[in-house]
Amino acid sequence: MVGSVEVFDEESDLEKVDPLPEDFDPTEVIKDLLPSVVDSEVMIANGKGAVASEEEKKVKREIVLGRNVHTMCLEVTEPEADDEVTGDREASMASMLARYRKSLIERTKHHLGYPYNLDFDYGALGQLQHFSINNLGDPFIESNYGVHSRQFEVGVLDWFARLWEIERNEYWGYITNCGTEGNLHGILVGREVFPDGILYASRESHYSVFKAARMYRMECEKVNTLLSGEIDCKDFKAKLLCHKNKPAIINVNIGTTVKGAVDDLDLVIETLEQTGFKHDRFYIHCDGALFGLMMPFVKLAPKVTFKKPIGSVSVSGHKFVGCPMPCGVQITRLDHINALSRNVEYLASRDATIMGSRNGHAPIFLWYTLNRKGYRGFQKEVQKCLRNAHYLKDHLRAAGIGAMLNELSSTVVFERPQDVEFVRKWQLACQGNIAHVVVMPNVTVEKIDVFMDELIGKRAVWFQDGKFQSPCVASDIGKENCFCALHNKF
């Protein structure tokens, strides 16, 4: 779990891996992605522009739930009686892991669609992998379990408390196991503060927000969004007016999943106040999974701060920070947490977290990175990401590809590529007729150039005879950003 992870390039030293017979192909671990959600008269496979048969057109491809899909399985087998003597099993597993590492290097080279910072090296922390570090219960109250990293965890929490402008004696928080847990906790605190409150979230909120509503049996109002993906405060106001007799629990997105849109926190608060909701009748959770850490370092960007009437903020640690395991940070007001906190005699501590056991390695990784980079280091990385995002957007548009980049965002949205293999290779996140690239610190200009060269070459094949044209994405990103036949500006 813990070890050195380098930034890999074309010259990575792969020759040193002694190959076994080709009975294990790690690139086949995921042989077939979930099928496309876009209906199309044309199936363009491997850039050949093959037209689907009538029978294929009739088969509706859909995501099948309630069934395990085993694309490939590395079976767990019992050791042979003489394995300890021959060492064959150890050698076989070592070879499998070496091949798997090789596949990770390859997949890392072509990673563009998901918001993970892969530019990190935690070799110095490898010495800690021999310890079972578990941060049980409340980070601020030590339990009987002595192998923990609470001192690192509280240091990380203090750093984020300063970033979001809340005093040490006024906040409570913990290192979560993922970004979803941060949302689950923030919304749970809101529900505990207002048991009869209604949850309001934009339709482009992360799916974990609606998962929370189902889990907690909360009434939930989905609010419409603007074309940018930002919450539509006119629709928000209309929905608030329908439920003036009940408190409001609001999820505010600091960067939506698909378009990277940032909800206007100040306008959300103003809308609540205009509708007659005083500060003691609403709770705001800010989902800042990715951009919650980037926005503080963007000039003139609106602030996410506890000086405003918000209840909690969460970010992911494995995204912009670049932690190699999923984790996150959740900060809320201390006076809210008493509704959740319970004494646990078994631990000799209190617990207001969602999970009982928590990864004790994650706070150390976060602490290590925050100390190495600091505010100035993160500011440089944010500027690099925004600059490279504009570079990608400009090159897409120059190539006649419809594209959009929201202000304050490093998520570039563009026409969904026609080739499933191309999408799989570059690990693009797709929805309907659009795809996106999330420009992270590891996404360099050189990588963007390689991606663009391949995309332009593929498009020349897809549209070579003029029979098939770029899809219309005006309804997704605006007609001014759409280069289909109807809206083409050239």
Protein backbone atom coordinates (compact mmCIF):
# COMPACT_ATOMS: atom_id res chain seq x y z
CA MET A 1 0.00 0.00 0.00
CA VAL A 2 2.77 2.39 0.90
CA GLY A 3 5.77 2.90 -1.31
CA SER A 4 7.44 4.98 -3.92
CA VAL A 5 5.32 6.02 -6.86
CA GLU A 6 7.17 7.92 -9.53
CA VAL A 7 6.07 9.97 -12.49
CA PHE A 8 6.57 7.64 -15.44
CA ASP A 9 7.53 8.52 -18.97
CA GLU A 10 8.43 6.85 -22.23
CA GLU A 11 11.88 5.98 -20.89
CA SER A 12 10.65 4.13 -17.79
CA ASP A 13 12.88 1.18 -16.98
CA LEU A 14 10.61 -1.71 -17.92
CA GLU A 15 13.27 -4.05 -19.34
CA LYS A 16 14.32 -5.21 -15.89
CA VAL A 17 11.10 -7.18 -15.39
CA ASP A 18 11.73 -10.83 -16.19
CA PRO A 19 8.70 -11.99 -18.14
CA LEU A 20 7.00 -15.31 -17.63
CA PRO A 21 4.98 -17.04 -20.36
CA GLU A 22 2.22 -14.77 -21.61
CA ASP A 23 -0.47 -16.27 -19.39
CA PHE A 24 -1.19 -13.00 -17.60
CA ASP A 25 -2.07 -9.89 -19.55
CA PRO A 26 -2.72 -7.01 -17.11
CA THR A 27 -4.08 -4.80 -19.84
CA GLU A 28 -6.99 -7.21 -20.05
CA VAL A 29 -8.02 -6.74 -16.42
CA ILE A 30 -10.88 -4.62 -17.69
CA LYS A 31 -11.58 -6.04 -21.09
CA ASP A 32 -14.81 -4.23 -21.82
CA LEU A 33 -16.06 -1.05 -20.25
CA LEU A 34 -19.71 -0.51 -19.49
CA PRO A 35 -21.54 0.14 -22.76
CA SER A 36 -22.12 3.55 -24.20
CA VAL A 37 -25.21 5.47 -23.16
CA VAL A 38 -25.39 7.25 -26.50
CA ASP A 39 -27.69 5.77 -29.11
CA SER A 40 -26.07 5.93 -32.52
CA GLU A 41 -26.82 4.73 -36.00
CA VAL A 42 -23.13 4.29 -36.52
CA MET A 43 -20.69 2.11 -34.67
CA ILE A 44 -17.22 3.37 -35.34
CA ALA A 45 -14.80 0.79 -34.06
CA ASN A 46 -11.05 1.22 -34.03
CA GLY A 47 -11.32 4.21 -36.33
CA LYS A 48 -12.62 2.13 -39.27
CA GLY A 49 -16.04 3.75 -39.46
CA ALA A 50 -17.94 0.46 -39.60
CA VAL A 51 -21.71 0.82 -39.96
CA ALA A 52 -23.81 -1.22 -37.55
CA SER A 53 -26.04 -3.94 -38.93
CA GLU A 54 -29.80 -3.66 -38.57
CA GLU A 55 -29.70 -6.38 -35.94
CA GLU A 56 -27.04 -4.52 -33.94
CA LYS A 57 -29.08 -1.32 -34.10
CA LYS A 58 -32.01 -3.09 -32.50
CA VAL A 59 -29.98 -4.23 -29.50
CA LYS A 60 -30.15 -1.54 -26.87
CA ARG A 61 -26.90 -1.34 -24.96
CA GLU A 62 -27.49 -0.54 -21.34
CA ILE A 63 -25.86 -0.77 -17.95
CA VAL A 64 -27.00 -3.98 -16.26
CA LEU A 65 -27.29 -3.78 -12.49
CA GLY A 66 -27.77 -6.54 -9.95
CA ARG A 67 -25.27 -8.85 -11.64
CA ASN A 68 -21.57 -9.41 -11.17
CA VAL A 69 -19.61 -8.98 -14.39
CA HIS A 70 -16.32 -10.86 -14.24
CA THR A 71 -14.13 -9.49 -17.01
CA MET A 72 -11.03 -11.14 -15.59
CA CYS A 73 -10.26 -12.76 -12.26
CA LEU A 74 -6.90 -13.57 -10.72
CA GLU A 75 -7.88 -16.68 -8.82
CA VAL A 76 -6.77 -17.21 -5.24
CA THR A 77 -5.46 -20.77 -4.97
CA GLU A 78 -4.19 -22.91 -2.12
CA PRO A 79 -0.40 -23.36 -1.84
CA GLU A 80 1.05 -26.68 -2.89
CA ALA A 81 2.66 -28.84 -0.23
CA ASP A 82 6.18 -28.18 -1.52
CA ASP A 83 5.74 -24.46 -2.24
CA GLU A 84 7.89 -23.42 0.70
CA VAL A 85 10.75 -25.49 -0.68
CA THR A 86 10.48 -24.66 -4.39
CA GLY A 87 9.48 -21.03 -4.07
CA ASP A 88 7.44 -21.35 -7.26
CA ARG A 89 4.42 -19.55 -5.80
CA GLU A 90 6.46 -16.55 -4.64
CA ALA A 91 8.13 -16.31 -8.03
CA SER A 92 4.79 -16.54 -9.83
CA MET A 93 3.18 -13.83 -7.67
CA ALA A 94 6.24 -11.60 -8.05
CA SER A 95 5.99 -11.88 -11.81
CA MET A 96 2.27 -11.11 -11.76
CA LEU A 97 2.86 -8.02 -9.65
CA ALA A 98 5.68 -6.91 -11.94
CA ARG A 99 3.44 -7.25 -14.95
CA TYR A 100 0.65 -5.43 -13.13
CA ARG A 101 3.06 -2.60 -12.30
CA LYS A 102 3.98 -2.42 -15.96
CA SER A 103 0.30 -2.06 -16.87
CA LEU A 104 -0.11 0.70 -14.26
CA ILE A 105 2.77 2.60 -15.83
CA GLU A 106 1.10 2.32 -19.23
CA ARG A 107 -2.35 3.33 -17.96
CA THR A 108 -0.87 6.25 -16.03
CA LYS A 109 0.63 7.60 -19.27
CA HIS A 110 -2.87 7.80 -20.79
CA HIS A 111 -4.90 9.09 -17.87
CA LEU A 112 -6.92 12.23 -18.65
CA GLY A 113 -10.58 11.84 -17.76
CA TYR A 114 -10.60 11.58 -13.98
CA PRO A 115 -9.46 14.11 -11.37
CA TYR A 116 -6.46 12.38 -9.88
CA ASN A 117 -3.07 14.02 -9.45
CA LEU A 118 -0.61 11.29 -10.40
CA ASP A 119 2.46 13.49 -9.99
CA PHE A 120 3.82 12.34 -6.64
CA ASP A 121 6.59 10.40 -4.93
CA TYR A 122 6.11 9.03 -1.42
CA GLY A 123 9.21 6.85 -1.28
CA ALA A 124 10.19 8.36 2.06
CA LEU A 125 7.05 6.90 3.64
CA GLY A 126 7.75 3.32 2.58
CA GLN A 127 9.25 2.63 6.00
CA LEU A 128 5.78 2.90 7.55
CA GLN A 129 4.12 0.15 5.51
CA HIS A 130 4.94 -2.46 8.15
CA PHE A 131 2.57 -0.89 10.68
CA SER A 132 -1.21 -1.25 11.00
CA ILE A 133 -2.02 2.40 11.62
CA ASN A 134 -5.66 2.94 12.55
CA ASN A 135 -7.22 6.24 13.66
CA LEU A 136 -10.17 4.89 15.59
CA GLY A 137 -12.85 7.32 16.71
CA ASP A 138 -12.51 11.06 17.30
CA PRO A 139 -9.22 12.55 16.01
CA PHE A 140 -9.05 14.88 19.01
CA ILE A 141 -9.57 12.20 21.68
CA GLU A 142 -6.97 9.45 21.95
CA SER A 143 -8.29 5.91 22.30
CA ASN A 144 -6.75 2.80 23.83
CA TYR A 145 -5.37 1.81 20.43
CA GLY A 146 -1.85 3.17 20.41
CA VAL A 147 -0.77 2.63 16.77
CA HIS A 148 -2.37 5.74 15.30
CA SER A 149 -1.46 8.95 13.45
CA ARG A 150 -3.75 11.44 15.19
CA GLN A 151 -0.94 13.96 15.59
CA PHE A 152 -0.57 14.05 11.80
CA GLU A 153 -4.33 14.07 11.27
CA VAL A 154 -4.91 17.07 13.54
CA GLY A 155 -2.03 18.90 11.86
CA VAL A 156 -3.71 18.39 8.46
CA LEU A 157 -7.09 19.48 9.84
CA ASP A 158 -5.56 22.66 11.30
CA TRP A 159 -4.04 23.46 7.90
CA PHE A 160 -7.43 23.21 6.18
CA ALA A 161 -9.10 25.15 9.01
CA ARG A 162 -6.73 28.04 8.32
CA LEU A 163 -7.41 27.74 4.59
CA TRP A 164 -11.17 28.00 5.16
CA GLU A 165 -10.87 30.60 7.92
CA ILE A 166 -12.21 28.96 11.04
CA GLU A 167 -10.54 29.07 14.46
CA ARG A 168 -9.07 25.93 15.97
CA ASN A 169 -11.47 26.03 18.90
CA GLU A 170 -14.48 26.44 16.60
CA TYR A 171 -14.11 23.52 14.19
CA TRP A 172 -14.28 19.75 14.26
CA GLY A 173 -13.26 17.42 11.46
CA TYR A 174 -11.53 14.22 10.44
CA ILE A 175 -9.72 12.51 7.58
CA THR A 176 -12.31 10.49 5.68
CA ASN A 177 -11.84 7.39 3.57
CA CYS A 178 -13.02 9.14 0.39
CA GLY A 179 -14.80 12.21 -0.95
CA THR A 180 -18.19 10.51 -0.78
CA GLU A 181 -17.78 10.01 2.95
CA GLY A 182 -17.22 13.76 3.32
CA ASN A 183 -20.55 14.44 1.60
CA LEU A 184 -22.31 11.74 3.62
CA HIS A 185 -20.99 13.27 6.84
CA GLY A 186 -21.70 16.89 5.92
CA ILE A 187 -25.28 16.14 4.93
CA LEU A 188 -25.74 13.93 8.01
CA VAL A 189 -24.67 16.82 10.25
CA GLY A 190 -27.18 19.03 8.44
CA ARG A 191 -29.93 16.50 9.01
CA GLU A 192 -29.06 16.15 12.69
CA VAL A 193 -29.19 19.93 13.09
CA PHE A 194 -32.49 20.06 11.17
CA PRO A 195 -34.19 16.63 11.40
CA ASP A 196 -37.15 17.81 9.32
CA GLY A 197 -35.03 19.78 6.85
CA ILE A 198 -35.28 19.38 3.07
CA LEU A 199 -32.12 18.69 1.07
CA TYR A 200 -31.59 20.93 -1.97
CA ALA A 201 -28.94 20.00 -4.55
CA SER A 202 -28.42 20.85 -8.19
CA ARG A 203 -29.04 18.14 -10.75
CA GLU A 204 -25.33 18.13 -11.60
CA SER A 205 -24.28 17.39 -8.02
CA HIS A 206 -22.17 14.30 -7.38
CA TYR A 207 -24.24 11.13 -7.12
CA SER A 208 -23.14 10.70 -3.48
CA VAL A 209 -25.36 13.64 -2.51
CA PHE A 210 -28.46 11.80 -3.72
CA LYS A 211 -27.14 8.59 -2.18
CA ALA A 212 -27.08 10.45 1.15
CA ALA A 213 -30.71 11.52 0.66
CA ARG A 214 -31.74 7.89 0.11
CA MET A 215 -29.68 6.57 3.02
CA TYR A 216 -31.02 9.15 5.47
CA ARG A 217 -34.58 9.04 4.09
CA MET A 218 -34.48 12.76 3.44
CA GLU A 219 -36.85 14.69 1.22
CA CYS A 220 -34.72 15.96 -1.64
CA GLU A 221 -35.35 18.70 -4.19
CA LYS A 222 -33.25 18.55 -7.36
CA VAL A 223 -32.59 22.08 -8.56
CA ASN A 224 -32.12 22.89 -12.25
CA THR A 225 -28.77 24.11 -13.52
CA LEU A 226 -27.55 26.71 -15.96
CA LEU A 227 -25.83 25.60 -19.16
CA SER A 228 -22.50 25.94 -17.37
CA GLY A 229 -23.59 23.34 -14.81
CA GLU A 230 -23.95 25.91 -12.05
CA ILE A 231 -27.04 25.85 -9.84
CA ASP A 232 -29.95 27.93 -11.17
CA CYS A 233 -30.82 30.18 -8.24
CA LYS A 234 -34.12 31.22 -9.82
CA ASP A 235 -35.30 27.63 -9.73
CA PHE A 236 -33.72 27.27 -6.28
CA LYS A 237 -35.79 30.22 -5.04
CA ALA A 238 -38.98 28.77 -6.52
CA LYS A 239 -38.39 25.44 -4.76
CA LEU A 240 -37.57 27.17 -1.47
CA LEU A 241 -40.86 29.07 -1.62
CA CYS A 242 -42.71 25.75 -1.89
CA HIS A 243 -41.26 24.62 1.44
CA LYS A 244 -40.95 27.79 3.50
CA ASN A 245 -42.21 25.99 6.60
CA LYS A 246 -39.24 23.58 6.70
CA PRO A 247 -35.52 24.26 7.23
CA ALA A 248 -33.21 24.00 4.23
CA ILE A 249 -30.12 21.81 3.92
CA ILE A 250 -28.19 22.81 0.82
CA ASN A 251 -25.37 21.10 -1.06
CA VAL A 252 -23.22 23.71 -2.83
CA ASN A 253 -20.85 22.39 -5.50
CA ILE A 254 -17.34 23.76 -5.59
CA GLY A 255 -16.80 22.17 -8.98
CA THR A 256 -19.37 19.81 -10.51
CA THR A 257 -18.41 16.32 -11.60
CA VAL A 258 -18.79 16.66 -15.37
CA LYS A 259 -18.38 20.35 -16.21
CA GLY A 260 -16.38 21.59 -13.25
CA ALA A 261 -18.94 24.33 -12.57
CA VAL A 262 -18.74 26.26 -9.30
CA ASP A 263 -22.03 27.17 -7.65
CA ASP A 264 -22.23 30.83 -6.59
CA LEU A 265 -22.13 30.46 -2.81
CA ASP A 266 -22.87 34.13 -2.20
CA LEU A 267 -25.90 34.03 -4.49
CA VAL A 268 -27.15 30.86 -2.79
CA ILE A 269 -26.95 32.60 0.60
CA GLU A 270 -28.59 35.73 -0.81
CA THR A 271 -31.41 33.62 -2.29
CA LEU A 272 -32.01 31.96 1.07
CA GLU A 273 -32.15 35.32 2.83
CA GLN A 274 -34.45 36.83 0.21
CA THR A 275 -36.81 33.89 0.62
CA GLY A 276 -37.09 34.47 4.35
CA PHE A 277 -34.64 31.84 5.61
CA LYS A 278 -32.65 33.20 8.52
CA HIS A 279 -29.23 31.78 9.31
CA ASP A 280 -30.67 29.54 12.02
CA ARG A 281 -32.98 27.85 9.50
CA PHE A 282 -30.50 26.61 6.92
CA TYR A 283 -27.37 24.49 6.74
CA ILE A 284 -24.94 24.63 3.80
CA HIS A 285 -22.53 21.82 2.97
CA CYS A 286 -19.86 22.67 0.38
CA ASP A 287 -18.74 19.74 -1.76
CA GLY A 288 -15.25 20.82 -2.81
CA ALA A 289 -13.96 17.38 -3.83
CA LEU A 290 -11.49 18.78 -6.39
CA PHE A 291 -11.83 22.56 -6.67
CA GLY A 292 -12.27 23.13 -2.95
CA LEU A 293 -8.49 23.06 -2.68
CA MET A 294 -7.84 24.85 -5.97
CA MET A 295 -10.13 27.87 -5.62
CA PRO A 296 -8.33 29.49 -2.68
CA PHE A 297 -5.31 29.89 -4.96
CA VAL A 298 -7.15 31.44 -7.92
CA LYS A 299 -6.98 35.22 -8.05
CA LEU A 300 -10.33 37.01 -7.71
CA ALA A 301 -12.14 33.70 -7.10
CA PRO A 302 -15.00 33.90 -4.58
CA LYS A 303 -14.04 32.59 -1.17
CA VAL A 304 -15.23 29.44 0.49
CA THR A 305 -14.92 30.44 4.12
CA PHE A 306 -16.55 29.76 7.47
CA LYS A 307 -16.86 33.52 7.87
CA LYS A 308 -19.92 32.97 5.69
CA PRO A 309 -22.93 31.05 7.13
CA ILE A 310 -21.85 27.59 5.94
CA GLY A 311 -21.94 24.42 8.01
CA SER A 312 -19.26 22.19 6.49
CA VAL A 313 -16.72 21.76 3.69
CA SER A 314 -15.20 18.57 2.31
CA VAL A 315 -12.43 17.86 -0.20
CA SER A 316 -10.82 14.72 -1.57
CA GLY A 317 -7.22 13.99 -0.65
CA HIS A 318 -6.52 11.70 -3.59
CA LYS A 319 -7.45 14.31 -6.19
CA PHE A 320 -5.56 17.59 -6.29
CA VAL A 321 -3.32 16.80 -3.30
CA GLY A 322 -2.22 13.55 -4.91
CA CYS A 323 -2.55 10.96 -2.16
CA PRO A 324 -2.09 7.43 -3.59
CA MET A 325 -5.05 6.01 -1.68
CA PRO A 326 -8.63 7.39 -1.59
CA CYS A 327 -9.16 9.78 1.32
CA GLY A 328 -10.64 13.18 2.09
CA VAL A 329 -10.96 15.99 4.60
CA GLN A 330 -14.21 16.99 6.29
CA ILE A 331 -14.47 20.18 8.40
CA THR A 332 -17.60 21.32 10.23
CA ARG A 333 -18.46 23.67 13.07
CA LEU A 334 -17.77 22.28 16.54
CA ASP A 335 -21.16 23.36 17.89
CA HIS A 336 -22.88 21.15 15.28
CA ILE A 337 -21.04 17.96 16.11
CA ASN A 338 -22.49 17.26 19.56
CA ALA A 339 -25.66 15.99 17.90
CA LEU A 340 -23.62 13.14 16.37
CA SER A 341 -20.95 12.39 18.95
CA ARG A 342 -21.31 9.30 21.15
CA ASN A 343 -19.13 7.77 23.88
CA VAL A 344 -17.62 4.40 22.92
CA GLU A 345 -16.36 2.48 25.95
CA TYR A 346 -14.66 -0.15 23.80
CA LEU A 347 -12.41 2.58 22.37
CA ALA A 348 -12.22 4.74 25.49
CA SER A 349 -13.05 7.60 23.14
CA ARG A 350 -15.90 9.41 21.46
CA ASP A 351 -16.92 8.99 17.84
CA ALA A 352 -18.79 11.28 15.48
CA THR A 353 -17.31 9.83 12.28
CA ILE A 354 -19.18 7.65 9.80
CA MET A 355 -16.60 4.88 9.59
CA GLY A 356 -15.21 3.32 12.75
CA SER A 357 -11.73 2.31 11.65
CA ARG A 358 -10.00 4.87 9.49
CA ASN A 359 -6.85 4.58 7.41
CA GLY A 360 -4.05 5.93 9.58
CA HIS A 361 -1.62 6.09 6.68
CA ALA A 362 -3.66 8.67 4.73
CA PRO A 363 -3.13 11.56 7.22
CA ILE A 364 0.62 10.98 7.04
CA PHE A 365 0.61 11.15 3.24
CA LEU A 366 -1.46 14.35 3.35
CA TRP A 367 0.76 15.87 6.06
CA TYR A 368 3.86 15.01 4.04
CA THR A 369 2.55 16.68 0.87
CA LEU A 370 1.21 19.78 2.62
CA ASN A 371 4.59 20.29 4.29
CA ARG A 372 6.54 19.77 1.07
CA LYS A 373 4.40 22.07 -1.08
CA GLY A 374 2.79 24.58 1.23
CA TYR A 375 0.46 27.34 0.03
CA ARG A 376 2.96 28.60 -2.55
CA GLY A 377 3.48 25.17 -4.03
CA PHE A 378 -0.24 24.60 -4.44
CA GLN A 379 -0.68 28.05 -5.96
CA LYS A 380 1.93 27.24 -8.63
CA GLU A 381 0.26 23.93 -9.42
CA VAL A 382 -3.18 25.56 -9.68
CA GLN A 383 -1.85 28.17 -12.09
CA LYS A 384 -0.19 25.44 -14.17
CA CYS A 385 -3.44 23.45 -14.34
CA LEU A 386 -5.54 26.45 -15.40
CA ARG A 387 -2.97 27.48 -17.99
CA ASN A 388 -2.80 23.98 -19.49
CA ALA A 389 -6.60 23.69 -19.45
CA HIS A 390 -6.85 26.83 -21.58
CA TYR A 391 -4.15 25.42 -23.84
CA LEU A 392 -6.19 22.24 -24.40
CA LYS A 393 -9.46 24.12 -24.91
CA ASP A 394 -7.88 26.47 -27.47
CA HIS A 395 -6.32 23.58 -29.40
CA LEU A 396 -9.60 21.66 -29.47
CA ARG A 397 -11.45 24.64 -30.87
CA ALA A 398 -8.68 25.37 -33.37
CA ALA A 399 -9.14 21.81 -34.64
CA GLY A 400 -12.87 22.41 -35.13
CA ILE A 401 -13.92 20.47 -32.05
CA GLY A 402 -16.63 21.97 -29.87
CA ALA A 403 -15.25 22.63 -26.40
CA MET A 404 -16.04 24.56 -23.23
CA LEU A 405 -14.02 25.54 -20.15
CA ASN A 406 -15.79 27.07 -17.19
CA GLU A 407 -14.24 29.97 -15.35
CA LEU A 408 -12.34 28.81 -12.24
CA SER A 409 -12.16 25.29 -13.68
CA SER A 410 -9.55 22.95 -15.15
CA THR A 411 -12.19 20.59 -16.60
CA VAL A 412 -12.34 20.85 -20.39
CA VAL A 413 -15.62 19.57 -21.87
CA PHE A 414 -15.74 18.61 -25.55
CA GLU A 415 -17.44 16.41 -28.15
CA ARG A 416 -17.48 12.77 -27.20
CA PRO A 417 -15.01 10.85 -29.40
CA GLN A 418 -16.64 8.32 -31.72
CA ASP A 419 -14.18 5.50 -31.04
CA VAL A 420 -14.76 3.46 -27.87
CA GLU A 421 -11.17 2.21 -27.94
CA PHE A 422 -9.88 5.79 -28.03
CA VAL A 423 -12.08 6.67 -25.05
CA ARG A 424 -10.81 3.61 -23.19
CA LYS A 425 -7.18 4.29 -24.01
CA TRP A 426 -7.27 7.85 -22.67
CA GLN A 427 -9.70 6.93 -19.86
CA LEU A 428 -12.08 9.74 -20.76
CA ALA A 429 -15.19 10.33 -18.65
CA CYS A 430 -18.24 10.56 -20.92
CA GLN A 431 -21.86 11.57 -20.50
CA GLY A 432 -24.23 11.65 -23.43
CA ASN A 433 -22.56 13.45 -26.34
CA ILE A 434 -19.80 15.04 -24.29
CA ALA A 435 -16.56 13.93 -22.70
CA HIS A 436 -14.12 15.74 -20.51
CA VAL A 437 -10.47 15.99 -19.61
CA VAL A 438 -9.57 17.07 -16.09
CA VAL A 439 -6.24 18.88 -16.31
CA MET A 440 -4.24 17.97 -13.21
CA PRO A 441 -0.59 18.74 -12.33
CA ASN A 442 0.56 15.56 -14.11
CA VAL A 443 -1.18 16.60 -17.38
CA THR A 444 1.61 18.39 -19.20
CA VAL A 445 1.59 20.32 -22.46
CA GLU A 446 3.50 17.43 -24.01
CA LYS A 447 0.80 14.95 -22.98
CA ILE A 448 -1.90 17.26 -24.33
CA ASP A 449 -0.05 17.48 -27.66
CA VAL A 450 0.11 13.69 -27.94
CA PHE A 451 -3.59 13.43 -27.12
CA MET A 452 -4.53 16.13 -29.64
CA ASP A 453 -2.42 14.62 -32.42
CA GLU A 454 -4.11 11.26 -31.95
CA LEU A 455 -7.60 12.75 -31.66
CA ILE A 456 -7.17 14.82 -34.84
CA GLY A 457 -5.86 11.76 -36.67
CA LYS A 458 -8.80 9.66 -35.51
CA ARG A 459 -11.32 12.33 -36.51
CA ALA A 460 -9.85 12.40 -40.00
CA VAL A 461 -10.80 8.72 -40.26
CA TRP A 462 -14.20 9.04 -38.58
CA PHE A 463 -15.37 11.88 -40.82
CA GLN A 464 -13.29 11.21 -43.94
CA ASP A 465 -16.13 10.73 -46.42
CA GLY A 466 -18.31 13.52 -45.03
CA LYS A 467 -21.15 11.13 -44.34
CA PHE A 468 -20.78 11.45 -40.57
CA GLN A 469 -20.39 14.78 -38.85
CA SER A 470 -19.62 16.14 -35.42
CA PRO A 471 -22.53 15.76 -32.98
CA CYS A 472 -24.46 18.80 -31.86
CA VAL A 473 -23.47 19.63 -28.28
CA ALA A 474 -25.21 23.00 -28.09
CA SER A 475 -27.63 21.73 -25.44
CA ASP A 476 -24.67 20.55 -23.34
CA ILE A 477 -22.14 23.37 -23.65
CA GLY A 478 -23.94 26.15 -25.54
CA LYS A 479 -24.29 26.89 -29.23
CA GLU A 480 -21.36 29.31 -29.08
CA ASN A 481 -19.15 26.34 -28.17
CA CYS A 482 -20.69 23.87 -30.64
CA PHE A 483 -19.04 23.23 -34.02
CA CYS A 484 -21.67 20.97 -35.56
CA ALA A 485 -23.01 21.62 -39.07
CA LEU A 486 -25.74 23.87 -37.67
CA HIS A 487 -23.54 25.97 -35.40
CA ASN A 488 -20.17 25.74 -37.17
CA LYS A 489 -18.42 29.11 -37.02
CA PHE A 490 -15.82 28.30 -39.65
